[in-house]
Amino acid sequence: MKCSELKQKDVINICSCRTLGVVADLEFDCCTGCVLSLIVPGPSRICNLLGRDGDYVIPWSCVKQIGEDIVLVEIMEEKFFHKI
């Protein structure tokens, strides 16, 4: 799978059955080339006018399945939400 294909997929948390957003970026280890985490922009503030509060940084180990249209993850959202 190409990185650009992964970036088009919705991320769904199977713990809360909520859509977190779309994969925006990947974090990887330069030495090994392994993906460390997915970065998903957090919810926006008032009507997208004031930006957003932060991003979800989801460890690769929390990715449970990658399908045609979605990525299923299992996380406690408040633990992996990083404020900007």
C-alpha atoms as a PDB file:
ATOM      1  CA  MET A   1       0.000   0.000   0.000  1.00  0.00           C
ATOM      2  CA  LYS A   2       1.251   3.457  -0.842  1.00  0.00           C
ATOM      3  CA  CYS A   3       1.376   6.217   1.740  1.00  0.00           C
ATOM      4  CA  SER A   4      -0.925   8.333  -0.434  1.00  0.00           C
ATOM      5  CA  GLU A   5      -3.556   5.547  -0.380  1.00  0.00           C
ATOM      6  CA  LEU A   6      -3.404   5.350   3.405  1.00  0.00           C
ATOM      7  CA  LYS A   7      -3.922   9.109   3.684  1.00  0.00           C
ATOM      8  CA  GLN A   8      -7.345   8.830   2.024  1.00  0.00           C
ATOM      9  CA  LYS A   9      -8.796   6.459   4.617  1.00  0.00           C
ATOM     10  CA  ASP A  10     -11.096   7.325   7.521  1.00  0.00           C
ATOM     11  CA  VAL A  11      -9.846   6.299  10.957  1.00  0.00           C
ATOM     12  CA  ILE A  12     -12.455   4.704  13.227  1.00  0.00           C
ATOM     13  CA  ASN A  13     -11.922   3.944  16.895  1.00  0.00           C
ATOM     14  CA  ILE A  14     -13.467   0.541  17.657  1.00  0.00           C
ATOM     15  CA  CYS A  15     -13.687   1.369  21.381  1.00  0.00           C
ATOM     16  CA  SER A  16     -16.051   4.315  20.898  1.00  0.00           C
ATOM     17  CA  CYS A  17     -17.295   3.602  17.340  1.00  0.00           C
ATOM     18  CA  ARG A  18     -16.345   7.198  16.465  1.00  0.00           C
ATOM     19  CA  THR A  19     -14.725   8.457  13.309  1.00  0.00           C
ATOM     20  CA  LEU A  20     -11.581  10.318  14.353  1.00  0.00           C
ATOM     21  CA  GLY A  21     -10.827  11.785  10.939  1.00  0.00           C
ATOM     22  CA  VAL A  22      -8.578  11.000   7.993  1.00  0.00           C
ATOM     23  CA  VAL A  23      -4.918  10.015   8.168  1.00  0.00           C
ATOM     24  CA  ALA A  24      -2.938  13.215   7.569  1.00  0.00           C
ATOM     25  CA  ASP A  25       0.612  12.028   8.139  1.00  0.00           C
ATOM     26  CA  LEU A  26       2.804   9.145   9.229  1.00  0.00           C
ATOM     27  CA  GLU A  27       5.653   9.064  11.712  1.00  0.00           C
ATOM     28  CA  PHE A  28       8.377   6.558  10.912  1.00  0.00           C
ATOM     29  CA  ASP A  29      11.791   5.488  12.152  1.00  0.00           C
ATOM     30  CA  CYS A  30      14.476   6.727   9.738  1.00  0.00           C
ATOM     31  CA  CYS A  31      16.876   3.919  10.658  1.00  0.00           C
ATOM     32  CA  THR A  32      14.517   0.976  10.207  1.00  0.00           C
ATOM     33  CA  GLY A  33      11.939   2.483   7.858  1.00  0.00           C
ATOM     34  CA  CYS A  34       9.137   1.163  10.076  1.00  0.00           C
ATOM     35  CA  VAL A  35       5.951   3.160  10.616  1.00  0.00           C
ATOM     36  CA  LEU A  36       5.718   4.277  14.255  1.00  0.00           C
ATOM     37  CA  SER A  37       2.363   6.082  14.276  1.00  0.00           C
ATOM     38  CA  LEU A  38      -0.501   7.570  12.303  1.00  0.00           C
ATOM     39  CA  ILE A  39      -1.281  11.255  12.741  1.00  0.00           C
ATOM     40  CA  VAL A  40      -4.928  12.273  12.456  1.00  0.00           C
ATOM     41  CA  PRO A  41      -5.969  15.934  12.837  1.00  0.00           C
ATOM     42  CA  GLY A  42      -8.220  16.409  15.842  1.00  0.00           C
ATOM     43  CA  PRO A  43     -11.673  17.967  15.796  1.00  0.00           C
ATOM     44  CA  SER A  44     -11.876  21.562  14.692  1.00  0.00           C
ATOM     45  CA  ARG A  45     -13.016  24.425  16.841  1.00  0.00           C
ATOM     46  CA  ILE A  46     -16.017  26.619  16.037  1.00  0.00           C
ATOM     47  CA  CYS A  47     -17.051  26.066  12.384  1.00  0.00           C
ATOM     48  CA  ASN A  48     -13.424  25.436  11.302  1.00  0.00           C
ATOM     49  CA  LEU A  49     -12.707  29.153  11.823  1.00  0.00           C
ATOM     50  CA  LEU A  50     -10.325  28.885  14.757  1.00  0.00           C
ATOM     51  CA  GLY A  51      -8.263  25.879  13.691  1.00  0.00           C
ATOM     52  CA  ARG A  52      -8.124  22.780  15.850  1.00  0.00           C
ATOM     53  CA  ASP A  53      -7.044  21.853  19.358  1.00  0.00           C
ATOM     54  CA  GLY A  54      -4.579  19.108  18.486  1.00  0.00           C
ATOM     55  CA  ASP A  55      -3.889  15.826  16.732  1.00  0.00           C
ATOM     56  CA  TYR A  56      -4.361  12.164  17.472  1.00  0.00           C
ATOM     57  CA  VAL A  57      -0.990  10.407  17.397  1.00  0.00           C
ATOM     58  CA  ILE A  58      -1.921   6.749  17.128  1.00  0.00           C
ATOM     59  CA  PRO A  59       0.835   4.153  17.642  1.00  0.00           C
ATOM     60  CA  TRP A  60       1.097   1.596  14.861  1.00  0.00           C
ATOM     61  CA  SER A  61       0.517  -1.151  17.442  1.00  0.00           C
ATOM     62  CA  CYS A  62      -3.013   0.234  17.990  1.00  0.00           C
ATOM     63  CA  VAL A  63      -3.958  -0.222  14.330  1.00  0.00           C
ATOM     64  CA  LYS A  64      -6.135  -3.330  14.233  1.00  0.00           C
ATOM     65  CA  GLN A  65      -7.122  -3.520  10.578  1.00  0.00           C
ATOM     66  CA  ILE A  66      -6.753  -1.604   7.337  1.00  0.00           C
ATOM     67  CA  GLY A  67      -9.581  -2.004   4.870  1.00  0.00           C
ATOM     68  CA  GLU A  68     -10.440  -0.592   1.455  1.00  0.00           C
ATOM     69  CA  ASP A  69     -11.920   2.636   2.891  1.00  0.00           C
ATOM     70  CA  ILE A  70     -11.159   2.676   6.620  1.00  0.00           C
ATOM     71  CA  VAL A  71      -8.496   2.087   9.243  1.00  0.00           C
ATOM     72  CA  LEU A  72      -9.713   0.503  12.485  1.00  0.00           C
ATOM     73  CA  VAL A  73      -7.816   1.484  15.626  1.00  0.00           C
ATOM     74  CA  GLU A  74      -8.258   0.638  19.285  1.00  0.00           C
ATOM     75  CA  ILE A  75      -7.325   3.571  21.518  1.00  0.00           C
ATOM     76  CA  MET A  76      -8.425   5.567  24.523  1.00  0.00           C
ATOM     77  CA  GLU A  77      -8.879   8.857  22.667  1.00  0.00           C
ATOM     78  CA  GLU A  78      -7.916  11.170  25.530  1.00  0.00           C
ATOM     79  CA  LYS A  79      -4.602   9.310  25.993  1.00  0.00           C
ATOM     80  CA  PHE A  80      -3.468   9.751  22.381  1.00  0.00           C
ATOM     81  CA  PHE A  81      -4.771  13.273  21.772  1.00  0.00           C
ATOM     82  CA  HIS A  82      -1.895  15.749  21.765  1.00  0.00           C
ATOM     83  CA  LYS A  83      -2.779  19.420  22.124  1.00  0.00           C
ATOM     84  CA  ILE A  84      -1.125  21.895  19.795  1.00  0.00           C
END
